Amino acid sequence: MKNSLKKIVIPIAGLGTRMLPATKAIPKEMLPVVDKPIIQYIVEEAVEAKFNEIILITHSSKASVENHFDKSFELEATLEKRVKRGLLKEIKSISRLNVTIQSIRQGEAKGLGHAILCSRSIVGDEPFAITLPDMLISSDKKSSSLLEMKNEFEISGDSSILLGKAKKTEISRYGIVKLSNKKNKRGFRKIEKIIEKPKMNIAPSSLFAAGRYIFTNKIFNSLSRVKPDKSGEIQLTDAIQDFLLNEEVICFNLKGDLFDCGDKLGYLKAIVHKAQEDEDIGKEFKKYIKKLSY
């Protein structure tokens, strides 16, 4: 394949301060959305998009995330003994995902950009994807934005960013982009500029980076060049802006709903959405929600 894309980086080293005190002892990625932790949805999305190497950027407090994807002999033996075959099958499937998971620690809390830079020793010279672990996308069996991005990269070699549309009140929470009016030869609009958390009156649009990225290896050069911000952190957005000076980045539009599970309201919305989809409780939960609306 012309531009083979195998690796995806998931940075989980953040401390989840927006969700305290729930995340004081539990990683935010392990908070449950119905019956799965957030990180399992993220990893399953990567597997469905046909990535086969996952790189977790971790912190010393995140051992439970790594353990979640490991084999659990004692639990499996207990479920086997109690003839809980449905649960046993589901538990076994977590550790049998057709993917290699590697971890590397971010020694210091120097921001998202620094976390991505920590993966350089494992990524090597290859292109790679990035998925943010708290940005949960509602599943769509007919299409996957991440898979579409991967397929396009393997054809054209173009880096890309998935974009959602923010409400005016939410613009200052995200990396906002400015798009070119012209399309490239394959019909995709190019990203001209990206600004980290701009005020609404200076934002170039309402389109924001929705936590899914694909880059050539040259993004590491940009991550190495950019200076830390006022809080001493290296921002991924700043590195992308540097990358845009010499590299073409196209955009994909988000399909489905996006839930920011690092935010209390976004997390609750994700639970309500997934609960309504659940095969076991969905029907009764919908009745309950309908009852509350009266």
C-alpha atoms as a PDB file:
ATOM      1  CA  MET A   1       0.000   0.000   0.000  1.00  0.00           C
ATOM      2  CA  LYS A   2       1.317   3.440  -0.939  1.00  0.00           C
ATOM      3  CA  ASN A   3       0.847   5.121   2.466  1.00  0.00           C
ATOM      4  CA  SER A   4       0.353   2.334   4.986  1.00  0.00           C
ATOM      5  CA  LEU A   5      -1.068   3.617   8.277  1.00  0.00           C
ATOM      6  CA  LYS A   6      -0.923   1.257  11.258  1.00  0.00           C
ATOM      7  CA  LYS A   7      -0.264   3.259  14.423  1.00  0.00           C
ATOM      8  CA  ILE A   8      -2.584   5.403  16.525  1.00  0.00           C
ATOM      9  CA  VAL A   9      -1.561   7.426  19.582  1.00  0.00           C
ATOM     10  CA  ILE A  10      -3.986   7.883  22.480  1.00  0.00           C
ATOM     11  CA  PRO A  11      -2.704  10.336  25.108  1.00  0.00           C
ATOM     12  CA  ILE A  12      -4.145   9.434  28.523  1.00  0.00           C
ATOM     13  CA  ALA A  13      -1.625  11.138  30.808  1.00  0.00           C
ATOM     14  CA  GLY A  14      -3.931  14.045  31.744  1.00  0.00           C
ATOM     15  CA  LEU A  15      -5.144  14.240  35.339  1.00  0.00           C
ATOM     16  CA  GLY A  16      -8.820  14.861  34.560  1.00  0.00           C
ATOM     17  CA  THR A  17      -9.146  17.929  36.769  1.00  0.00           C
ATOM     18  CA  ARG A  18     -12.472  18.960  35.178  1.00  0.00           C
ATOM     19  CA  MET A  19     -14.044  15.810  36.603  1.00  0.00           C
ATOM     20  CA  LEU A  20     -12.759  16.045  40.183  1.00  0.00           C
ATOM     21  CA  PRO A  21     -13.418  14.687  42.759  1.00  0.00           C
ATOM     22  CA  ALA A  22     -14.540  11.612  40.747  1.00  0.00           C
ATOM     23  CA  THR A  23     -11.082  11.402  39.134  1.00  0.00           C
ATOM     24  CA  LYS A  24      -9.061  11.782  42.334  1.00  0.00           C
ATOM     25  CA  ALA A  25      -8.327   8.041  42.451  1.00  0.00           C
ATOM     26  CA  ILE A  26      -9.866   6.832  39.167  1.00  0.00           C
ATOM     27  CA  PRO A  27      -8.490   7.834  35.748  1.00  0.00           C
ATOM     28  CA  LYS A  28     -11.097   9.799  33.795  1.00  0.00           C
ATOM     29  CA  GLU A  29     -10.663   7.299  30.959  1.00  0.00           C
ATOM     30  CA  MET A  30     -11.985   4.562  33.278  1.00  0.00           C
ATOM     31  CA  LEU A  31     -15.198   6.380  34.152  1.00  0.00           C
ATOM     32  CA  PRO A  32     -18.083   4.196  32.927  1.00  0.00           C
ATOM     33  CA  VAL A  33     -20.481   5.152  30.174  1.00  0.00           C
ATOM     34  CA  VAL A  34     -23.247   2.635  30.952  1.00  0.00           C
ATOM     35  CA  ASP A  35     -21.219  -0.620  31.164  1.00  0.00           C
ATOM     36  CA  LYS A  36     -17.929   0.276  29.466  1.00  0.00           C
ATOM     37  CA  PRO A  37     -15.188   2.686  30.490  1.00  0.00           C
ATOM     38  CA  ILE A  38     -14.669   5.629  28.137  1.00  0.00           C
ATOM     39  CA  ILE A  39     -11.291   4.303  26.980  1.00  0.00           C
ATOM     40  CA  GLN A  40     -12.831   1.036  25.745  1.00  0.00           C
ATOM     41  CA  TYR A  41     -15.086   2.928  23.329  1.00  0.00           C
ATOM     42  CA  ILE A  42     -12.023   4.828  22.076  1.00  0.00           C
ATOM     43  CA  VAL A  43      -9.940   1.679  21.572  1.00  0.00           C
ATOM     44  CA  GLU A  44     -12.839  -0.122  19.869  1.00  0.00           C
ATOM     45  CA  GLU A  45     -13.195   2.831  17.484  1.00  0.00           C
ATOM     46  CA  ALA A  46      -9.497   2.507  16.584  1.00  0.00           C
ATOM     47  CA  VAL A  47      -9.853  -1.241  16.009  1.00  0.00           C
ATOM     48  CA  GLU A  48     -12.964  -0.740  13.844  1.00  0.00           C
ATOM     49  CA  ALA A  49     -10.955   1.799  11.807  1.00  0.00           C
ATOM     50  CA  LYS A  50      -8.426  -1.002  11.156  1.00  0.00           C
ATOM     51  CA  PHE A  51      -5.508   0.339  13.165  1.00  0.00           C
ATOM     52  CA  ASN A  52      -3.465  -2.518  14.597  1.00  0.00           C
ATOM     53  CA  GLU A  53      -0.951  -0.704  16.832  1.00  0.00           C
ATOM     54  CA  ILE A  54      -2.143   1.482  19.705  1.00  0.00           C
ATOM     55  CA  ILE A  55       0.295   3.636  21.670  1.00  0.00           C
ATOM     56  CA  LEU A  56      -0.951   4.874  25.039  1.00  0.00           C
ATOM     57  CA  ILE A  57       0.809   7.918  26.500  1.00  0.00           C
ATOM     58  CA  THR A  58       0.335   7.314  30.216  1.00  0.00           C
ATOM     59  CA  HIS A  59       0.996   8.609  33.717  1.00  0.00           C
ATOM     60  CA  SER A  60       1.897   6.706  36.893  1.00  0.00           C
ATOM     61  CA  SER A  61      -1.739   6.936  38.024  1.00  0.00           C
ATOM     62  CA  LYS A  62      -3.081   5.192  34.894  1.00  0.00           C
ATOM     63  CA  ALA A  63      -2.172   1.550  35.578  1.00  0.00           C
ATOM     64  CA  SER A  64      -5.856   0.583  35.700  1.00  0.00           C
ATOM     65  CA  VAL A  65      -6.258   1.620  32.046  1.00  0.00           C
ATOM     66  CA  GLU A  66      -3.486  -0.740  30.967  1.00  0.00           C
ATOM     67  CA  ASN A  67      -4.844  -3.488  33.233  1.00  0.00           C
ATOM     68  CA  HIS A  68      -8.290  -3.168  31.663  1.00  0.00           C
ATOM     69  CA  PHE A  69      -6.984  -4.483  28.340  1.00  0.00           C
ATOM     70  CA  ASP A  70      -4.951  -7.268  29.941  1.00  0.00           C
ATOM     71  CA  LYS A  71      -6.184 -10.821  30.597  1.00  0.00           C
ATOM     72  CA  SER A  72      -7.951 -11.272  33.955  1.00  0.00           C
ATOM     73  CA  PHE A  73      -7.476 -14.930  34.966  1.00  0.00           C
ATOM     74  CA  GLU A  74      -9.237 -14.713  38.344  1.00  0.00           C
ATOM     75  CA  LEU A  75     -12.292 -12.887  36.996  1.00  0.00           C
ATOM     76  CA  GLU A  76     -12.606 -15.229  34.017  1.00  0.00           C
ATOM     77  CA  ALA A  77     -12.347 -18.301  36.280  1.00  0.00           C
ATOM     78  CA  THR A  78     -15.052 -16.891  38.573  1.00  0.00           C
ATOM     79  CA  LEU A  79     -17.421 -16.175  35.679  1.00  0.00           C
ATOM     80  CA  GLU A  80     -16.753 -19.654  34.265  1.00  0.00           C
ATOM     81  CA  LYS A  81     -17.558 -21.251  37.633  1.00  0.00           C
ATOM     82  CA  ARG A  82     -20.775 -19.250  37.944  1.00  0.00           C
ATOM     83  CA  VAL A  83     -21.784 -20.089  34.350  1.00  0.00           C
ATOM     84  CA  LYS A  84     -21.899 -16.398  33.381  1.00  0.00           C
ATOM     85  CA  ARG A  85     -21.055 -17.227  29.778  1.00  0.00           C
ATOM     86  CA  GLY A  86     -22.326 -13.981  28.244  1.00  0.00           C
ATOM     87  CA  LEU A  87     -20.235 -11.866  30.596  1.00  0.00           C
ATOM     88  CA  LEU A  88     -17.263 -14.214  30.241  1.00  0.00           C
ATOM     89  CA  LYS A  89     -17.321 -13.854  26.462  1.00  0.00           C
ATOM     90  CA  GLU A  90     -17.443 -10.057  26.750  1.00  0.00           C
ATOM     91  CA  ILE A  91     -14.585  -9.929  29.280  1.00  0.00           C
ATOM     92  CA  LYS A  92     -12.422 -12.215  27.127  1.00  0.00           C
ATOM     93  CA  SER A  93     -13.116 -10.099  24.050  1.00  0.00           C
ATOM     94  CA  ILE A  94     -11.501  -7.049  25.721  1.00  0.00           C
ATOM     95  CA  SER A  95      -8.106  -8.756  26.000  1.00  0.00           C
ATOM     96  CA  ARG A  96      -8.484 -10.407  22.582  1.00  0.00           C
ATOM     97  CA  LEU A  97      -8.896  -7.262  20.519  1.00  0.00           C
ATOM     98  CA  ASN A  98      -6.967  -7.665  17.274  1.00  0.00           C
ATOM     99  CA  VAL A  99      -4.510  -4.931  18.172  1.00  0.00           C
ATOM    100  CA  THR A 100      -1.137  -4.442  19.840  1.00  0.00           C
ATOM    101  CA  ILE A 101      -1.201  -2.009  22.763  1.00  0.00           C
ATOM    102  CA  GLN A 102       2.021  -0.376  23.933  1.00  0.00           C
ATOM    103  CA  SER A 103       2.496   2.207  26.666  1.00  0.00           C
ATOM    104  CA  ILE A 104       5.005   4.962  27.260  1.00  0.00           C
ATOM    105  CA  ARG A 105       4.949   7.388  30.186  1.00  0.00           C
ATOM    106  CA  GLN A 106       4.948  11.147  29.948  1.00  0.00           C
ATOM    107  CA  GLY A 107       7.431  11.946  32.693  1.00  0.00           C
ATOM    108  CA  GLU A 108       6.288  15.534  33.189  1.00  0.00           C
ATOM    109  CA  ALA A 109       2.930  17.257  32.691  1.00  0.00           C
ATOM    110  CA  LYS A 110       4.012  19.472  29.795  1.00  0.00           C
ATOM    111  CA  GLY A 111       0.829  19.468  27.770  1.00  0.00           C
ATOM    112  CA  LEU A 112      -0.831  17.521  24.976  1.00  0.00           C
ATOM    113  CA  GLY A 113       1.817  18.395  22.406  1.00  0.00           C
ATOM    114  CA  HIS A 114       4.570  17.078  24.673  1.00  0.00           C
ATOM    115  CA  ALA A 115       2.554  13.891  25.279  1.00  0.00           C
ATOM    116  CA  ILE A 116       2.366  13.265  21.519  1.00  0.00           C
ATOM    117  CA  LEU A 117       6.086  13.979  21.189  1.00  0.00           C
ATOM    118  CA  CYS A 118       6.747  11.234  23.777  1.00  0.00           C
ATOM    119  CA  SER A 119       5.481   8.675  21.241  1.00  0.00           C
ATOM    120  CA  ARG A 120       8.237   9.478  18.743  1.00  0.00           C
ATOM    121  CA  SER A 121      10.488   6.614  19.857  1.00  0.00           C
ATOM    122  CA  ILE A 122       7.717   4.070  19.160  1.00  0.00           C
ATOM    123  CA  VAL A 123       6.165   5.678  16.071  1.00  0.00           C
ATOM    124  CA  GLY A 124       9.567   5.968  14.421  1.00  0.00           C
ATOM    125  CA  ASP A 125       9.469   7.246  10.837  1.00  0.00           C
ATOM    126  CA  GLU A 126       5.889   6.230  10.131  1.00  0.00           C
ATOM    127  CA  PRO A 127       2.742   8.344   9.756  1.00  0.00           C
ATOM    128  CA  PHE A 128       0.249   7.970  12.596  1.00  0.00           C
ATOM    129  CA  ALA A 129      -3.147   8.954  13.916  1.00  0.00           C
ATOM    130  CA  ILE A 130      -4.118  10.627  17.192  1.00  0.00           C
ATOM    131  CA  THR A 131      -7.357  10.157  19.094  1.00  0.00           C
ATOM    132  CA  LEU A 132      -8.135  12.147  22.216  1.00  0.00           C
ATOM    133  CA  PRO A 133      -9.497   9.796  24.897  1.00  0.00           C
ATOM    134  CA  ASP A 134     -12.263  11.998  26.274  1.00  0.00           C
ATOM    135  CA  MET A 135     -13.889  12.890  22.926  1.00  0.00           C
ATOM    136  CA  LEU A 136     -16.442  10.137  22.407  1.00  0.00           C
ATOM    137  CA  ILE A 137     -18.208   9.880  19.026  1.00  0.00           C
ATOM    138  CA  SER A 138     -21.579   8.161  18.738  1.00  0.00           C
ATOM    139  CA  SER A 139     -21.188   4.939  16.801  1.00  0.00           C
ATOM    140  CA  ASP A 140     -22.457   4.662  13.261  1.00  0.00           C
ATOM    141  CA  LYS A 141     -22.359   1.155  11.811  1.00  0.00           C
ATOM    142  CA  LYS A 142     -22.577   2.547   8.268  1.00  0.00           C
ATOM    143  CA  SER A 143     -19.567   4.847   8.486  1.00  0.00           C
ATOM    144  CA  SER A 144     -16.622   5.820  10.657  1.00  0.00           C
ATOM    145  CA  SER A 145     -14.978   9.214  10.368  1.00  0.00           C
ATOM    146  CA  LEU A 146     -11.671   7.792  11.579  1.00  0.00           C
ATOM    147  CA  LEU A 147     -11.777   4.966   9.026  1.00  0.00           C
ATOM    148  CA  GLU A 148     -12.587   7.440   6.232  1.00  0.00           C
ATOM    149  CA  MET A 149      -9.615   9.578   7.276  1.00  0.00           C
ATOM    150  CA  LYS A 150      -7.348   6.522   7.313  1.00  0.00           C
ATOM    151  CA  ASN A 151      -8.536   5.340   3.903  1.00  0.00           C
ATOM    152  CA  GLU A 152      -7.949   8.772   2.361  1.00  0.00           C
ATOM    153  CA  PHE A 153      -4.449   9.028   3.812  1.00  0.00           C
ATOM    154  CA  GLU A 154      -3.520   5.629   2.417  1.00  0.00           C
ATOM    155  CA  ILE A 155      -4.588   6.847  -1.044  1.00  0.00           C
ATOM    156  CA  SER A 156      -3.335  10.439  -1.081  1.00  0.00           C
ATOM    157  CA  GLY A 157      -0.851  10.746   1.790  1.00  0.00           C
ATOM    158  CA  ASP A 158      -2.632  13.907   2.990  1.00  0.00           C
ATOM    159  CA  SER A 159      -2.708  14.676   6.695  1.00  0.00           C
ATOM    160  CA  SER A 160      -6.172  15.423   8.033  1.00  0.00           C
ATOM    161  CA  ILE A 161      -8.192  16.692  10.982  1.00  0.00           C
ATOM    162  CA  LEU A 162     -11.779  15.817  11.871  1.00  0.00           C
ATOM    163  CA  LEU A 163     -13.934  18.910  12.401  1.00  0.00           C
ATOM    164  CA  GLY A 164     -17.112  19.479  14.358  1.00  0.00           C
ATOM    165  CA  LYS A 165     -19.243  22.617  14.585  1.00  0.00           C
ATOM    166  CA  ALA A 166     -19.266  24.410  17.925  1.00  0.00           C
ATOM    167  CA  LYS A 167     -21.993  26.551  19.403  1.00  0.00           C
ATOM    168  CA  LYS A 168     -20.987  30.196  19.854  1.00  0.00           C
ATOM    169  CA  THR A 169     -20.734  29.718  23.613  1.00  0.00           C
ATOM    170  CA  GLU A 170     -18.346  26.759  23.145  1.00  0.00           C
ATOM    171  CA  ILE A 171     -15.880  28.296  20.671  1.00  0.00           C
ATOM    172  CA  SER A 172     -13.413  29.389  23.366  1.00  0.00           C
ATOM    173  CA  ARG A 173     -13.064  25.763  24.536  1.00  0.00           C
ATOM    174  CA  TYR A 174     -11.561  24.299  21.360  1.00  0.00           C
ATOM    175  CA  GLY A 175      -8.952  24.623  18.640  1.00  0.00           C
ATOM    176  CA  ILE A 176     -10.798  26.574  15.917  1.00  0.00           C
ATOM    177  CA  VAL A 177      -9.836  26.398  12.240  1.00  0.00           C
ATOM    178  CA  LYS A 178      -9.976  28.577   9.165  1.00  0.00           C
ATOM    179  CA  LEU A 179     -10.624  26.714   5.917  1.00  0.00           C
ATOM    180  CA  SER A 180      -9.535  27.517   2.386  1.00  0.00           C
ATOM    181  CA  ASN A 181     -12.377  28.365   0.007  1.00  0.00           C
ATOM    182  CA  LYS A 182     -10.798  26.156  -2.630  1.00  0.00           C
ATOM    183  CA  LYS A 183     -10.770  22.356  -2.718  1.00  0.00           C
ATOM    184  CA  ASN A 184      -7.764  20.216  -3.571  1.00  0.00           C
ATOM    185  CA  LYS A 185      -7.678  17.903  -6.591  1.00  0.00           C
ATOM    186  CA  ARG A 186      -9.462  15.162  -4.628  1.00  0.00           C
ATOM    187  CA  GLY A 187     -12.287  17.484  -3.551  1.00  0.00           C
ATOM    188  CA  PHE A 188     -11.225  18.188   0.039  1.00  0.00           C
ATOM    189  CA  ARG A 189     -10.985  21.626   1.604  1.00  0.00           C
ATOM    190  CA  LYS A 190      -7.647  22.524   3.141  1.00  0.00           C
ATOM    191  CA  ILE A 191      -7.073  23.942   6.604  1.00  0.00           C
ATOM    192  CA  GLU A 192      -5.284  27.302   6.457  1.00  0.00           C
ATOM    193  CA  LYS A 193      -5.055  28.153  10.137  1.00  0.00           C
ATOM    194  CA  ILE A 194      -5.822  26.815  13.615  1.00  0.00           C
ATOM    195  CA  ILE A 195      -6.112  28.844  16.830  1.00  0.00           C
ATOM    196  CA  GLU A 196      -6.229  27.404  20.345  1.00  0.00           C
ATOM    197  CA  LYS A 197      -9.302  28.487  22.338  1.00  0.00           C
ATOM    198  CA  PRO A 198      -9.895  31.895  20.698  1.00  0.00           C
ATOM    199  CA  LYS A 199     -12.399  34.414  21.968  1.00  0.00           C
ATOM    200  CA  MET A 200     -15.612  34.346  19.962  1.00  0.00           C
ATOM    201  CA  ASN A 201     -15.004  37.782  18.375  1.00  0.00           C
ATOM    202  CA  ILE A 202     -11.662  36.735  16.833  1.00  0.00           C
ATOM    203  CA  ALA A 203     -12.458  33.108  15.965  1.00  0.00           C
ATOM    204  CA  PRO A 204     -12.068  32.470  12.196  1.00  0.00           C
ATOM    205  CA  SER A 205     -15.063  30.085  12.189  1.00  0.00           C
ATOM    206  CA  SER A 206     -17.107  27.834  14.455  1.00  0.00           C
ATOM    207  CA  LEU A 207     -15.340  24.683  13.218  1.00  0.00           C
ATOM    208  CA  PHE A 208     -13.245  22.921  15.824  1.00  0.00           C
ATOM    209  CA  ALA A 209     -10.795  20.020  15.943  1.00  0.00           C
ATOM    210  CA  ALA A 210     -12.866  17.064  17.167  1.00  0.00           C
ATOM    211  CA  GLY A 211     -10.055  14.970  18.605  1.00  0.00           C
ATOM    212  CA  ARG A 212      -9.174  12.859  15.549  1.00  0.00           C
ATOM    213  CA  TYR A 213      -5.998  13.618  13.582  1.00  0.00           C
ATOM    214  CA  ILE A 214      -3.761  11.926  11.018  1.00  0.00           C
ATOM    215  CA  PHE A 215      -0.273  13.273  10.357  1.00  0.00           C
ATOM    216  CA  THR A 216       2.875  12.447   8.495  1.00  0.00           C
ATOM    217  CA  ASN A 217       5.941  11.991  10.660  1.00  0.00           C
ATOM    218  CA  LYS A 218       6.910  15.634  10.055  1.00  0.00           C
ATOM    219  CA  ILE A 219       4.522  16.733  12.818  1.00  0.00           C
ATOM    220  CA  PHE A 220       7.238  15.658  15.269  1.00  0.00           C
ATOM    221  CA  ASN A 221       9.543  18.357  13.848  1.00  0.00           C
ATOM    222  CA  SER A 222       6.835  20.945  14.533  1.00  0.00           C
ATOM    223  CA  LEU A 223       6.259  19.603  18.052  1.00  0.00           C
ATOM    224  CA  SER A 224       9.999  19.941  18.697  1.00  0.00           C
ATOM    225  CA  ARG A 225      10.087  23.520  17.384  1.00  0.00           C
ATOM    226  CA  VAL A 226       7.162  25.159  19.150  1.00  0.00           C
ATOM    227  CA  LYS A 227       7.733  27.005  22.404  1.00  0.00           C
ATOM    228  CA  PRO A 228       5.830  26.203  25.607  1.00  0.00           C
ATOM    229  CA  ASP A 229       2.863  28.480  26.343  1.00  0.00           C
ATOM    230  CA  LYS A 230       2.483  30.697  29.430  1.00  0.00           C
ATOM    231  CA  SER A 231       1.651  27.696  31.593  1.00  0.00           C
ATOM    232  CA  GLY A 232       4.765  25.860  30.408  1.00  0.00           C
ATOM    233  CA  GLU A 233       2.857  23.437  28.184  1.00  0.00           C
ATOM    234  CA  ILE A 234       3.523  22.470  24.573  1.00  0.00           C
ATOM    235  CA  GLN A 235       0.226  22.745  22.723  1.00  0.00           C
ATOM    236  CA  LEU A 236      -0.647  20.400  19.871  1.00  0.00           C
ATOM    237  CA  THR A 237      -2.550  23.267  18.233  1.00  0.00           C
ATOM    238  CA  ASP A 238       0.618  25.396  18.066  1.00  0.00           C
ATOM    239  CA  ALA A 239       2.502  22.507  16.464  1.00  0.00           C
ATOM    240  CA  ILE A 240      -0.276  22.029  13.897  1.00  0.00           C
ATOM    241  CA  GLN A 241      -0.086  25.720  12.977  1.00  0.00           C
ATOM    242  CA  ASP A 242       3.676  25.333  12.453  1.00  0.00           C
ATOM    243  CA  PHE A 243       3.046  22.149  10.424  1.00  0.00           C
ATOM    244  CA  LEU A 244       0.571  24.027   8.186  1.00  0.00           C
ATOM    245  CA  LEU A 245       3.314  26.387   7.016  1.00  0.00           C
ATOM    246  CA  ASN A 246       4.859  23.626   4.898  1.00  0.00           C
ATOM    247  CA  GLU A 247       2.386  20.752   4.796  1.00  0.00           C
ATOM    248  CA  GLU A 248      -1.132  20.340   3.435  1.00  0.00           C
ATOM    249  CA  VAL A 249      -3.832  19.307   5.906  1.00  0.00           C
ATOM    250  CA  ILE A 250      -7.341  18.498   4.722  1.00  0.00           C
ATOM    251  CA  CYS A 251     -10.531  18.360   6.747  1.00  0.00           C
ATOM    252  CA  PHE A 252     -13.228  15.775   7.329  1.00  0.00           C
ATOM    253  CA  ASN A 253     -16.621  16.660   8.757  1.00  0.00           C
ATOM    254  CA  LEU A 254     -17.797  14.880  11.872  1.00  0.00           C
ATOM    255  CA  LYS A 255     -20.547  12.317  11.356  1.00  0.00           C
ATOM    256  CA  GLY A 256     -22.658  11.598  14.401  1.00  0.00           C
ATOM    257  CA  ASP A 257     -22.612  13.237  17.816  1.00  0.00           C
ATOM    258  CA  LEU A 258     -19.518  14.178  19.792  1.00  0.00           C
ATOM    259  CA  PHE A 259     -19.469  13.994  23.585  1.00  0.00           C
ATOM    260  CA  ASP A 260     -16.715  15.699  25.569  1.00  0.00           C
ATOM    261  CA  CYS A 261     -16.450  13.208  28.425  1.00  0.00           C
ATOM    262  CA  GLY A 262     -13.832  15.323  30.177  1.00  0.00           C
ATOM    263  CA  ASP A 263     -16.688  17.723  30.944  1.00  0.00           C
ATOM    264  CA  LYS A 264     -19.510  16.929  33.395  1.00  0.00           C
ATOM    265  CA  LEU A 265     -22.329  17.847  31.015  1.00  0.00           C
ATOM    266  CA  GLY A 266     -20.737  16.107  28.034  1.00  0.00           C
ATOM    267  CA  TYR A 267     -20.152  12.988  30.126  1.00  0.00           C
ATOM    268  CA  LEU A 268     -23.784  12.863  31.252  1.00  0.00           C
ATOM    269  CA  LYS A 269     -25.005  13.366  27.683  1.00  0.00           C
ATOM    270  CA  ALA A 270     -22.839  10.422  26.585  1.00  0.00           C
ATOM    271  CA  ILE A 271     -24.382   8.200  29.260  1.00  0.00           C
ATOM    272  CA  VAL A 272     -27.931   9.170  28.254  1.00  0.00           C
ATOM    273  CA  HIS A 273     -27.134   8.567  24.567  1.00  0.00           C
ATOM    274  CA  LYS A 274     -25.488   5.175  25.118  1.00  0.00           C
ATOM    275  CA  ALA A 275     -28.151   4.060  27.609  1.00  0.00           C
ATOM    276  CA  GLN A 276     -30.851   4.594  24.995  1.00  0.00           C
ATOM    277  CA  GLU A 277     -28.879   2.464  22.514  1.00  0.00           C
ATOM    278  CA  ASP A 278     -28.259  -0.357  25.005  1.00  0.00           C
ATOM    279  CA  GLU A 279     -29.916  -3.669  24.057  1.00  0.00           C
ATOM    280  CA  ASP A 280     -30.719  -4.612  27.663  1.00  0.00           C
ATOM    281  CA  ILE A 281     -31.950  -1.338  29.164  1.00  0.00           C
ATOM    282  CA  GLY A 282     -32.561   0.958  26.182  1.00  0.00           C
ATOM    283  CA  LYS A 283     -36.309   0.429  25.923  1.00  0.00           C
ATOM    284  CA  GLU A 284     -36.995   0.996  29.634  1.00  0.00           C
ATOM    285  CA  PHE A 285     -34.552   3.900  29.789  1.00  0.00           C
ATOM    286  CA  LYS A 286     -36.334   5.665  26.934  1.00  0.00           C
ATOM    287  CA  LYS A 287     -39.608   5.288  28.827  1.00  0.00           C
ATOM    288  CA  TYR A 288     -37.972   6.797  31.897  1.00  0.00           C
ATOM    289  CA  ILE A 289     -36.597   9.759  29.918  1.00  0.00           C
ATOM    290  CA  LYS A 290     -39.994  10.315  28.336  1.00  0.00           C
ATOM    291  CA  LYS A 291     -41.585  10.281  31.776  1.00  0.00           C
ATOM    292  CA  LEU A 292     -39.122  12.916  33.021  1.00  0.00           C
ATOM    293  CA  SER A 293     -39.956  15.217  30.096  1.00  0.00           C
ATOM    294  CA  TYR A 294     -43.558  15.649  31.219  1.00  0.00           C
END
